[in-house]
Amino acid sequence: ERDFWIQLLKSSAAQLEQSWRINLAAMDKTSWDWVNNLRDRQMAENFSWLARRAFPTRKIIVWAATSHIIRHPQLLADREAGWTPMGDWLHKTMEADVYVLGFTAHHGRWGTTVRSATTEVAPADPKSLEGLLSSAGFSYAFLHFLNPPAAGAWLREPLSCRPLGYKP
């Protein structure tokens, strides 16, 4: 129980530091990177603590935004270095003990628990990953990108997709 409270205090300290030092309305990229790095590193430390200390023999499922669980966001066409997401931190500390599922959508609506309104997701470009899966008749699909079979060679080619905020 003592270890739990220590971890909670570390997490609360990171949240307070973020809250005290930022003005969300007036932030530039450097400030956003600082906020995201602080938050994502703490999320990774919390996850590692749960996996190694609180539940070392259990499987843990965490639902997080794809933008937080990805690795190497700078490899995406429109991303710059500066922010290290939770996925990169977890890979450094837990490597193969973590399996990540990212999410995207062809169309629909999205919302959050802090907003009552939802936002429309416009249909994806027909040539995008989401468009190709939709035109193939999939309502839901699972793609394993690490080692696709020969028939999945097209997954190794550059392909537009929109797992981060439904933007290509």
Protein backbone atom coordinates (compact mmCIF):
# COMPACT_ATOMS: atom_id res chain seq x y z
CA GLU A 1 0.00 0.00 0.00
CA ARG A 2 2.90 2.35 0.78
CA ASP A 3 4.29 1.88 -2.74
CA PHE A 4 0.91 2.72 -4.25
CA TRP A 5 0.76 6.03 -2.40
CA ILE A 6 4.33 6.90 -3.38
CA GLN A 7 3.49 6.27 -7.05
CA LEU A 8 0.28 8.28 -6.73
CA LEU A 9 2.21 11.21 -5.26
CA LYS A 10 4.77 11.06 -8.10
CA SER A 11 1.94 11.11 -10.62
CA SER A 12 0.15 13.94 -8.80
CA ALA A 13 3.39 15.96 -8.68
CA ALA A 14 3.78 15.63 -12.46
CA GLN A 15 0.16 16.72 -12.98
CA LEU A 16 0.59 19.71 -10.67
CA GLU A 17 3.83 20.75 -12.37
CA GLN A 18 2.08 20.62 -15.73
CA SER A 19 -0.90 22.61 -14.42
CA TRP A 20 1.18 25.29 -12.72
CA ARG A 21 3.64 25.88 -15.56
CA ILE A 22 1.42 26.06 -18.62
CA ASN A 23 -1.13 28.30 -20.24
CA LEU A 24 -2.97 26.07 -22.71
CA ALA A 25 -4.29 29.02 -24.70
CA ALA A 26 -0.84 30.46 -25.40
CA MET A 27 1.37 27.42 -25.99
CA ASP A 28 3.89 27.03 -28.80
CA LYS A 29 5.26 23.70 -30.07
CA THR A 30 8.12 23.66 -27.55
CA SER A 31 5.66 24.11 -24.68
CA TRP A 32 3.34 21.41 -26.03
CA ASP A 33 6.30 19.04 -26.37
CA TRP A 34 7.29 19.76 -22.75
CA VAL A 35 3.73 19.08 -21.52
CA ASN A 36 3.36 15.91 -23.58
CA ASN A 37 6.79 14.60 -22.55
CA LEU A 38 6.04 15.16 -18.87
CA ARG A 39 2.61 13.54 -19.12
CA ASP A 40 3.60 10.61 -21.34
CA ARG A 41 6.69 9.78 -19.31
CA GLN A 42 4.59 9.74 -16.14
CA MET A 43 1.93 7.58 -17.80
CA ALA A 44 4.68 5.11 -18.79
CA GLU A 45 6.10 5.13 -15.25
CA ASN A 46 2.62 4.49 -13.84
CA PHE A 47 2.06 1.62 -16.28
CA SER A 48 5.49 0.13 -15.53
CA TRP A 49 4.80 0.39 -11.81
CA LEU A 50 1.47 -1.42 -12.20
CA ALA A 51 3.04 -4.15 -14.33
CA ARG A 52 6.16 -4.70 -12.24
CA ARG A 53 5.09 -3.88 -8.69
CA ALA A 54 1.32 -4.05 -8.26
CA PHE A 55 0.43 -6.88 -10.67
CA PRO A 56 3.65 -8.60 -11.79
CA THR A 57 1.95 -11.90 -12.66
CA ARG A 58 -1.13 -10.46 -14.34
CA LYS A 59 -1.97 -9.33 -17.85
CA ILE A 60 -2.88 -5.64 -17.90
CA ILE A 61 -5.01 -3.97 -20.54
CA VAL A 62 -4.76 -0.19 -20.82
CA TRP A 63 -6.98 1.85 -23.11
CA ALA A 64 -5.17 4.97 -24.27
CA ALA A 65 -5.28 7.34 -27.21
CA THR A 66 -3.25 6.01 -30.12
CA SER A 67 -1.16 9.19 -30.03
CA HIS A 68 0.08 8.18 -26.57
CA ILE A 69 0.81 4.51 -27.25
CA ILE A 70 2.64 4.83 -30.58
CA ARG A 71 6.39 4.63 -30.97
CA HIS A 72 8.53 6.92 -33.11
CA PRO A 73 5.95 9.59 -34.03
CA GLN A 74 8.68 11.49 -35.89
CA LEU A 75 8.55 8.77 -38.59
CA LEU A 76 5.08 9.92 -39.58
CA ALA A 77 5.05 12.29 -42.53
CA ASP A 78 3.73 15.32 -40.67
CA ARG A 79 5.45 14.89 -37.28
CA GLU A 80 8.62 16.43 -35.94
CA ALA A 81 10.90 15.19 -33.20
CA GLY A 82 10.44 16.77 -29.78
CA TRP A 83 7.81 14.62 -28.15
CA THR A 84 8.39 11.12 -26.82
CA PRO A 85 5.06 9.33 -26.37
CA MET A 86 4.30 6.76 -23.69
CA GLY A 87 4.82 3.99 -26.27
CA ASP A 88 8.50 4.95 -26.69
CA TRP A 89 9.02 5.13 -22.91
CA LEU A 90 7.39 1.73 -22.43
CA HIS A 91 9.49 0.17 -25.15
CA LYS A 92 12.64 1.37 -23.39
CA THR A 93 11.59 -0.14 -20.06
CA MET A 94 9.40 -3.11 -20.97
CA GLU A 95 10.26 -3.94 -24.61
CA ALA A 96 8.51 -7.14 -25.73
CA ASP A 97 6.27 -7.26 -22.64
CA VAL A 98 3.99 -4.66 -24.24
CA TYR A 99 1.71 -5.19 -27.24
CA VAL A 100 0.02 -2.11 -28.66
CA LEU A 101 -3.25 -1.90 -30.55
CA GLY A 102 -3.82 1.38 -32.35
CA PHE A 103 -7.23 2.53 -33.53
CA THR A 104 -8.50 4.44 -36.51
CA ALA A 105 -11.86 4.80 -38.26
CA HIS A 106 -13.22 5.19 -41.76
CA HIS A 107 -16.10 7.41 -40.59
CA GLY A 108 -18.33 8.00 -37.59
CA ARG A 109 -18.36 10.21 -34.53
CA TRP A 110 -16.02 10.75 -31.60
CA GLY A 111 -16.33 12.40 -28.23
CA THR A 112 -14.81 12.63 -24.79
CA THR A 113 -16.03 12.32 -21.25
CA VAL A 114 -15.42 16.03 -20.64
CA ARG A 115 -17.47 17.31 -23.60
CA SER A 116 -21.16 16.65 -24.11
CA ALA A 117 -20.99 17.23 -27.89
CA THR A 118 -19.59 14.71 -30.34
CA THR A 119 -17.67 15.45 -33.53
CA GLU A 120 -18.34 13.96 -36.94
CA VAL A 121 -15.53 11.95 -38.57
CA ALA A 122 -15.76 12.49 -42.32
CA PRO A 123 -15.33 9.42 -44.56
CA ALA A 124 -11.69 8.60 -45.27
CA ASP A 125 -9.99 8.98 -48.63
CA PRO A 126 -10.77 5.85 -50.72
CA LYS A 127 -7.02 5.26 -51.26
CA SER A 128 -6.17 5.47 -47.54
CA LEU A 129 -5.80 2.46 -45.24
CA GLU A 130 -9.25 3.14 -43.83
CA GLY A 131 -10.74 3.58 -47.31
CA LEU A 132 -9.20 0.35 -48.60
CA LEU A 133 -10.45 -1.65 -45.61
CA SER A 134 -13.93 -0.16 -45.95
CA SER A 135 -14.10 -0.86 -49.70
CA ALA A 136 -13.02 -4.45 -48.99
CA GLY A 137 -16.17 -4.79 -46.89
CA PHE A 138 -14.66 -4.63 -43.39
CA SER A 139 -16.65 -3.00 -40.63
CA TYR A 140 -13.85 -3.97 -38.23
CA ALA A 141 -10.36 -5.22 -39.07
CA PHE A 142 -7.16 -6.16 -37.25
CA LEU A 143 -3.81 -5.64 -38.99
CA HIS A 144 -0.55 -6.85 -37.50
CA PHE A 145 2.12 -4.52 -38.90
CA LEU A 146 5.26 -6.09 -37.39
CA ASN A 147 5.51 -9.18 -39.58
CA PRO A 148 2.88 -9.10 -42.31
CA PRO A 149 2.69 -12.22 -44.53
CA ALA A 150 3.64 -12.06 -48.21
CA ALA A 151 0.05 -11.12 -49.11
CA GLY A 152 0.40 -8.14 -46.79
CA ALA A 153 3.41 -6.65 -48.58
CA TRP A 154 1.29 -3.58 -49.39
CA LEU A 155 1.46 -2.71 -45.68
CA ARG A 156 5.20 -2.06 -46.07
CA GLU A 157 4.59 0.68 -48.65
CA PRO A 158 3.81 4.32 -47.74
CA LEU A 159 0.08 4.58 -47.19
CA SER A 160 -2.12 7.39 -45.95
CA CYS A 161 -3.98 6.63 -42.74
CA ARG A 162 -5.39 8.69 -39.90
CA PRO A 163 -4.94 7.10 -36.48
CA LEU A 164 -4.06 10.44 -34.85
CA GLY A 165 -7.06 12.72 -34.60
CA TYR A 166 -8.66 11.39 -37.82
CA LYS A 167 -6.30 13.50 -39.92
CA PRO A 168 -4.30 11.95 -42.80
